[in-house]
Amino acid sequence: MNLNMQGMLKQIQKMQADMAKVQAELENKTVSEESGGGMVKVVANGKKEIVSINIDDEVAKSGDKEMMEDLIVAAVNKALSSAGKMAEEEMSSITKGMIPPGFNIPGL
């Protein structure tokens, strides 16, 4: 039983190291989303941080503040959702087979 516990502890330590590595890498991985047919483009990283927002000159010149706000919110929400999915996929590749289906650990 002691050997089995040691093996399990080694697996957990390896998984923790792998998770820390992936979390660090996620900061440098990005997703790009847009709204309004490309009028607003947003880039977010795997840590769900907005990296950049690009607003088309025509939209900026239009003076339609409400439309611009709506386009920004839509693009930001899409980018954050995509960043979350990307992070989830990266983390699940580490935990695959280690965590039983339906067992929810926050942050994984």
N, C-alpha and C. Protein backbone atom coordinates (compact mmCIF):
# COMPACT_ATOMS: atom_id res chain seq x y z
N MET A 1 0.82 -1.19 0.00
CA MET A 1 0.00 0.00 0.00
C MET A 1 0.86 1.25 0.00
N ASN A 2 1.98 1.23 0.70
CA ASN A 2 2.87 2.38 0.79
C ASN A 2 3.45 2.74 -0.58
N LEU A 3 3.83 1.71 -1.37
CA LEU A 3 4.37 1.96 -2.71
C LEU A 3 3.32 2.61 -3.61
N ASN A 4 2.09 2.16 -3.49
CA ASN A 4 1.01 2.72 -4.29
C ASN A 4 0.80 4.20 -3.95
N MET A 5 0.87 4.53 -2.66
CA MET A 5 0.70 5.90 -2.21
C MET A 5 1.85 6.77 -2.71
N GLN A 6 3.07 6.26 -2.71
CA GLN A 6 4.22 7.01 -3.20
C GLN A 6 4.07 7.28 -4.70
N GLY A 7 3.62 6.28 -5.42
CA GLY A 7 3.40 6.44 -6.86
C GLY A 7 2.33 7.49 -7.14
N MET A 8 1.29 7.47 -6.33
CA MET A 8 0.22 8.44 -6.49
C MET A 8 0.73 9.86 -6.19
N LEU A 9 1.53 9.99 -5.15
CA LEU A 9 2.09 11.30 -4.80
C LEU A 9 3.00 11.83 -5.91
N LYS A 10 3.79 10.95 -6.50
CA LYS A 10 4.65 11.35 -7.62
C LYS A 10 3.81 11.82 -8.81
N GLN A 11 2.71 11.12 -9.09
CA GLN A 11 1.83 11.52 -10.18
C GLN A 11 1.23 12.90 -9.91
N ILE A 12 0.82 13.12 -8.69
CA ILE A 12 0.22 14.41 -8.32
C ILE A 12 1.26 15.53 -8.44
N GLN A 13 2.47 15.27 -7.99
CA GLN A 13 3.53 16.28 -8.09
C GLN A 13 3.84 16.60 -9.55
N LYS A 14 3.87 15.58 -10.39
CA LYS A 14 4.12 15.79 -11.82
C LYS A 14 2.98 16.61 -12.43
N MET A 15 1.74 16.27 -12.07
CA MET A 15 0.59 17.00 -12.60
C MET A 15 0.65 18.46 -12.16
N GLN A 16 1.04 18.72 -10.92
CA GLN A 16 1.15 20.10 -10.44
C GLN A 16 2.21 20.87 -11.22
N ALA A 17 3.34 20.23 -11.48
CA ALA A 17 4.40 20.88 -12.25
C ALA A 17 3.95 21.15 -13.68
N ASP A 18 3.26 20.17 -14.27
CA ASP A 18 2.75 20.35 -15.63
C ASP A 18 1.72 21.47 -15.69
N MET A 19 0.86 21.54 -14.68
CA MET A 19 -0.16 22.58 -14.64
C MET A 19 0.47 23.97 -14.51
N ALA A 20 1.49 24.08 -13.68
CA ALA A 20 2.17 25.37 -13.52
C ALA A 20 2.81 25.80 -14.84
N LYS A 21 3.38 24.84 -15.56
CA LYS A 21 3.99 25.13 -16.85
C LYS A 21 2.95 25.61 -17.86
N VAL A 22 1.82 24.92 -17.93
CA VAL A 22 0.76 25.30 -18.87
C VAL A 22 0.20 26.66 -18.51
N GLN A 23 0.00 26.93 -17.21
CA GLN A 23 -0.52 28.23 -16.80
C GLN A 23 0.43 29.35 -17.22
N ALA A 24 1.72 29.13 -17.11
CA ALA A 24 2.69 30.14 -17.54
C ALA A 24 2.64 30.32 -19.06
N GLU A 25 2.48 29.23 -19.79
CA GLU A 25 2.41 29.30 -21.25
C GLU A 25 1.14 29.98 -21.74
N LEU A 26 0.06 29.85 -20.98
CA LEU A 26 -1.22 30.44 -21.39
C LEU A 26 -1.15 31.97 -21.48
N GLU A 27 -0.26 32.55 -20.73
CA GLU A 27 -0.11 34.01 -20.78
C GLU A 27 0.36 34.46 -22.16
N ASN A 28 1.10 33.59 -22.86
CA ASN A 28 1.65 33.94 -24.17
C ASN A 28 0.80 33.43 -25.34
N LYS A 29 -0.21 32.63 -25.06
CA LYS A 29 -1.10 32.13 -26.12
C LYS A 29 -2.29 33.07 -26.21
N THR A 30 -2.68 33.40 -27.44
CA THR A 30 -3.77 34.35 -27.61
C THR A 30 -4.85 33.82 -28.54
N VAL A 31 -6.02 34.41 -28.41
CA VAL A 31 -7.14 34.18 -29.31
C VAL A 31 -7.61 35.54 -29.79
N SER A 32 -8.15 35.58 -30.98
CA SER A 32 -8.64 36.83 -31.55
C SER A 32 -10.09 36.65 -31.96
N GLU A 33 -10.92 37.59 -31.58
CA GLU A 33 -12.33 37.55 -31.95
C GLU A 33 -12.74 38.93 -32.45
N GLU A 34 -13.84 38.98 -33.18
CA GLU A 34 -14.30 40.25 -33.72
C GLU A 34 -15.81 40.34 -33.66
N SER A 35 -16.30 41.56 -33.85
CA SER A 35 -17.74 41.78 -33.93
C SER A 35 -17.99 42.81 -35.03
N GLY A 36 -19.25 42.88 -35.45
CA GLY A 36 -19.59 43.84 -36.50
C GLY A 36 -18.88 43.57 -37.80
N GLY A 37 -18.67 42.31 -38.12
CA GLY A 37 -18.00 41.97 -39.37
C GLY A 37 -16.56 42.47 -39.43
N GLY A 38 -15.91 42.51 -38.28
CA GLY A 38 -14.50 42.93 -38.23
C GLY A 38 -14.31 44.39 -37.86
N MET A 39 -15.40 45.08 -37.54
CA MET A 39 -15.26 46.49 -37.17
C MET A 39 -14.54 46.66 -35.84
N VAL A 40 -14.69 45.68 -34.95
CA VAL A 40 -13.98 45.68 -33.67
C VAL A 40 -13.30 44.33 -33.51
N LYS A 41 -12.01 44.35 -33.24
CA LYS A 41 -11.24 43.12 -33.04
C LYS A 41 -10.61 43.17 -31.66
N VAL A 42 -10.70 42.03 -30.95
CA VAL A 42 -10.17 41.94 -29.59
C VAL A 42 -9.28 40.71 -29.50
N VAL A 43 -8.12 40.88 -28.87
CA VAL A 43 -7.20 39.78 -28.63
C VAL A 43 -7.12 39.58 -27.12
N ALA A 44 -7.27 38.32 -26.69
CA ALA A 44 -7.15 37.97 -25.27
C ALA A 44 -6.15 36.83 -25.13
N ASN A 45 -5.50 36.77 -23.98
CA ASN A 45 -4.56 35.66 -23.75
C ASN A 45 -5.24 34.54 -22.97
N GLY A 46 -4.53 33.46 -22.77
CA GLY A 46 -5.07 32.29 -22.09
C GLY A 46 -5.34 32.50 -20.62
N LYS A 47 -4.95 33.63 -20.08
CA LYS A 47 -5.26 33.96 -18.69
C LYS A 47 -6.49 34.84 -18.61
N LYS A 48 -7.21 34.92 -19.73
CA LYS A 48 -8.44 35.71 -19.85
C LYS A 48 -8.19 37.19 -19.59
N GLU A 49 -7.07 37.68 -20.12
CA GLU A 49 -6.74 39.10 -20.05
C GLU A 49 -6.82 39.67 -21.46
N ILE A 50 -7.41 40.86 -21.59
CA ILE A 50 -7.48 41.51 -22.90
C ILE A 50 -6.10 42.06 -23.22
N VAL A 51 -5.58 41.68 -24.39
CA VAL A 51 -4.25 42.10 -24.82
C VAL A 51 -4.34 43.34 -25.71
N SER A 52 -5.36 43.36 -26.58
CA SER A 52 -5.52 44.52 -27.46
C SER A 52 -6.95 44.61 -27.97
N ILE A 53 -7.33 45.84 -28.32
CA ILE A 53 -8.62 46.12 -28.95
C ILE A 53 -8.33 47.01 -30.14
N ASN A 54 -8.87 46.64 -31.30
CA ASN A 54 -8.69 47.44 -32.51
C ASN A 54 -10.07 47.83 -33.03
N ILE A 55 -10.29 49.14 -33.15
CA ILE A 55 -11.57 49.64 -33.64
C ILE A 55 -11.34 50.24 -35.02
N ASP A 56 -12.13 49.77 -36.00
CA ASP A 56 -12.03 50.27 -37.36
C ASP A 56 -12.22 51.78 -37.39
N ASP A 57 -11.44 52.47 -38.21
CA ASP A 57 -11.50 53.93 -38.28
C ASP A 57 -12.90 54.43 -38.62
N GLU A 58 -13.60 53.73 -39.50
CA GLU A 58 -14.94 54.16 -39.90
C GLU A 58 -15.90 54.14 -38.72
N VAL A 59 -15.79 53.12 -37.87
CA VAL A 59 -16.65 53.03 -36.68
C VAL A 59 -16.31 54.16 -35.73
N ALA A 60 -15.02 54.41 -35.55
CA ALA A 60 -14.60 55.47 -34.64
C ALA A 60 -15.08 56.84 -35.14
N LYS A 61 -15.04 57.06 -36.44
CA LYS A 61 -15.45 58.34 -37.03
C LYS A 61 -16.97 58.51 -37.03
N SER A 62 -17.70 57.41 -36.95
CA SER A 62 -19.16 57.48 -37.07
C SER A 62 -19.79 58.31 -35.95
N GLY A 63 -19.15 58.32 -34.80
CA GLY A 63 -19.70 59.06 -33.67
C GLY A 63 -20.85 58.34 -32.98
N ASP A 64 -21.16 57.13 -33.44
CA ASP A 64 -22.24 56.35 -32.82
C ASP A 64 -21.68 55.61 -31.61
N LYS A 65 -21.68 56.32 -30.49
CA LYS A 65 -21.07 55.81 -29.25
C LYS A 65 -21.74 54.50 -28.80
N GLU A 66 -23.06 54.44 -28.85
CA GLU A 66 -23.79 53.26 -28.39
C GLU A 66 -23.44 52.03 -29.23
N MET A 67 -23.37 52.20 -30.55
CA MET A 67 -23.02 51.09 -31.42
C MET A 67 -21.58 50.63 -31.12
N MET A 68 -20.67 51.56 -30.94
CA MET A 68 -19.28 51.21 -30.66
C MET A 68 -19.17 50.45 -29.34
N GLU A 69 -19.89 50.90 -28.34
CA GLU A 69 -19.87 50.20 -27.05
C GLU A 69 -20.40 48.78 -27.19
N ASP A 70 -21.50 48.63 -27.93
CA ASP A 70 -22.07 47.29 -28.14
C ASP A 70 -21.10 46.37 -28.88
N LEU A 71 -20.44 46.90 -29.90
CA LEU A 71 -19.47 46.10 -30.65
C LEU A 71 -18.28 45.69 -29.79
N ILE A 72 -17.81 46.60 -28.94
CA ILE A 72 -16.68 46.30 -28.06
C ILE A 72 -17.08 45.22 -27.06
N VAL A 73 -18.24 45.38 -26.43
CA VAL A 73 -18.70 44.38 -25.46
C VAL A 73 -18.83 43.01 -26.12
N ALA A 74 -19.42 42.97 -27.30
CA ALA A 74 -19.60 41.69 -28.00
C ALA A 74 -18.26 41.03 -28.31
N ALA A 75 -17.31 41.81 -28.83
CA ALA A 75 -16.00 41.24 -29.19
C ALA A 75 -15.23 40.80 -27.95
N VAL A 76 -15.30 41.59 -26.88
CA VAL A 76 -14.61 41.23 -25.64
C VAL A 76 -15.19 39.94 -25.07
N ASN A 77 -16.51 39.84 -25.04
CA ASN A 77 -17.14 38.62 -24.51
C ASN A 77 -16.76 37.39 -25.33
N LYS A 78 -16.73 37.52 -26.65
CA LYS A 78 -16.32 36.41 -27.51
C LYS A 78 -14.87 36.01 -27.22
N ALA A 79 -14.00 37.01 -27.11
CA ALA A 79 -12.57 36.74 -26.88
C ALA A 79 -12.35 36.06 -25.53
N LEU A 80 -13.03 36.55 -24.49
CA LEU A 80 -12.87 35.94 -23.17
C LEU A 80 -13.42 34.52 -23.15
N SER A 81 -14.51 34.28 -23.84
CA SER A 81 -15.06 32.93 -23.93
C SER A 81 -14.09 32.00 -24.65
N SER A 82 -13.54 32.45 -25.76
CA SER A 82 -12.57 31.63 -26.51
C SER A 82 -11.30 31.39 -25.70
N ALA A 83 -10.86 32.40 -24.96
CA ALA A 83 -9.66 32.25 -24.12
C ALA A 83 -9.92 31.22 -23.02
N GLY A 84 -11.11 31.25 -22.45
CA GLY A 84 -11.47 30.28 -21.42
C GLY A 84 -11.50 28.87 -21.96
N LYS A 85 -12.05 28.69 -23.15
CA LYS A 85 -12.10 27.37 -23.78
C LYS A 85 -10.69 26.87 -24.08
N MET A 86 -9.83 27.78 -24.58
CA MET A 86 -8.46 27.39 -24.88
C MET A 86 -7.76 26.93 -23.60
N ALA A 87 -7.91 27.69 -22.53
CA ALA A 87 -7.26 27.34 -21.26
C ALA A 87 -7.79 26.01 -20.73
N GLU A 88 -9.10 25.82 -20.84
CA GLU A 88 -9.72 24.57 -20.38
C GLU A 88 -9.17 23.37 -21.15
N GLU A 89 -9.03 23.51 -22.46
CA GLU A 89 -8.49 22.43 -23.28
C GLU A 89 -7.05 22.12 -22.91
N GLU A 90 -6.26 23.16 -22.69
CA GLU A 90 -4.86 22.96 -22.32
C GLU A 90 -4.74 22.24 -20.98
N MET A 91 -5.56 22.67 -20.01
CA MET A 91 -5.48 22.06 -18.68
C MET A 91 -6.04 20.64 -18.69
N SER A 92 -7.08 20.40 -19.48
CA SER A 92 -7.66 19.06 -19.50
C SER A 92 -6.71 18.03 -20.10
N SER A 93 -5.79 18.48 -20.95
CA SER A 93 -4.82 17.54 -21.51
C SER A 93 -3.89 17.01 -20.42
N ILE A 94 -3.71 17.78 -19.37
CA ILE A 94 -2.85 17.35 -18.26
C ILE A 94 -3.61 16.42 -17.31
N THR A 95 -4.84 16.77 -17.02
CA THR A 95 -5.60 16.03 -16.02
C THR A 95 -6.35 14.83 -16.59
N LYS A 96 -6.30 14.65 -17.90
CA LYS A 96 -7.03 13.56 -18.55
C LYS A 96 -6.66 12.22 -17.91
N GLY A 97 -7.68 11.50 -17.48
CA GLY A 97 -7.46 10.19 -16.89
C GLY A 97 -7.14 10.22 -15.41
N MET A 98 -6.80 11.38 -14.88
CA MET A 98 -6.45 11.47 -13.46
C MET A 98 -7.66 11.85 -12.60
N ILE A 99 -8.60 12.56 -13.21
CA ILE A 99 -9.76 13.02 -12.46
C ILE A 99 -10.99 12.31 -13.01
N PRO A 100 -11.74 11.66 -12.14
CA PRO A 100 -12.92 10.92 -12.60
C PRO A 100 -13.95 11.85 -13.24
N PRO A 101 -14.70 11.38 -14.23
CA PRO A 101 -15.75 12.18 -14.86
C PRO A 101 -16.75 12.67 -13.83
N GLY A 102 -17.15 13.92 -13.94
CA GLY A 102 -18.12 14.49 -13.03
C GLY A 102 -17.52 15.05 -11.75
N PHE A 103 -16.24 14.79 -11.52
CA PHE A 103 -15.56 15.31 -10.34
C PHE A 103 -15.02 16.69 -10.69
N ASN A 104 -15.52 17.71 -10.04
CA ASN A 104 -15.18 19.08 -10.39
C ASN A 104 -14.19 19.68 -9.38
N ILE A 105 -13.03 20.07 -9.88
CA ILE A 105 -12.04 20.76 -9.06
C ILE A 105 -11.93 22.17 -9.61
N PRO A 106 -12.25 23.19 -8.80
CA PRO A 106 -12.17 24.57 -9.30
C PRO A 106 -10.80 24.90 -9.87
N GLY A 107 -10.79 25.57 -11.02
CA GLY A 107 -9.55 25.96 -11.66
C GLY A 107 -9.01 24.94 -12.65
N LEU A 108 -9.63 23.77 -12.73
CA LEU A 108 -9.16 22.76 -13.68
C LEU A 108 -10.12 22.63 -14.82
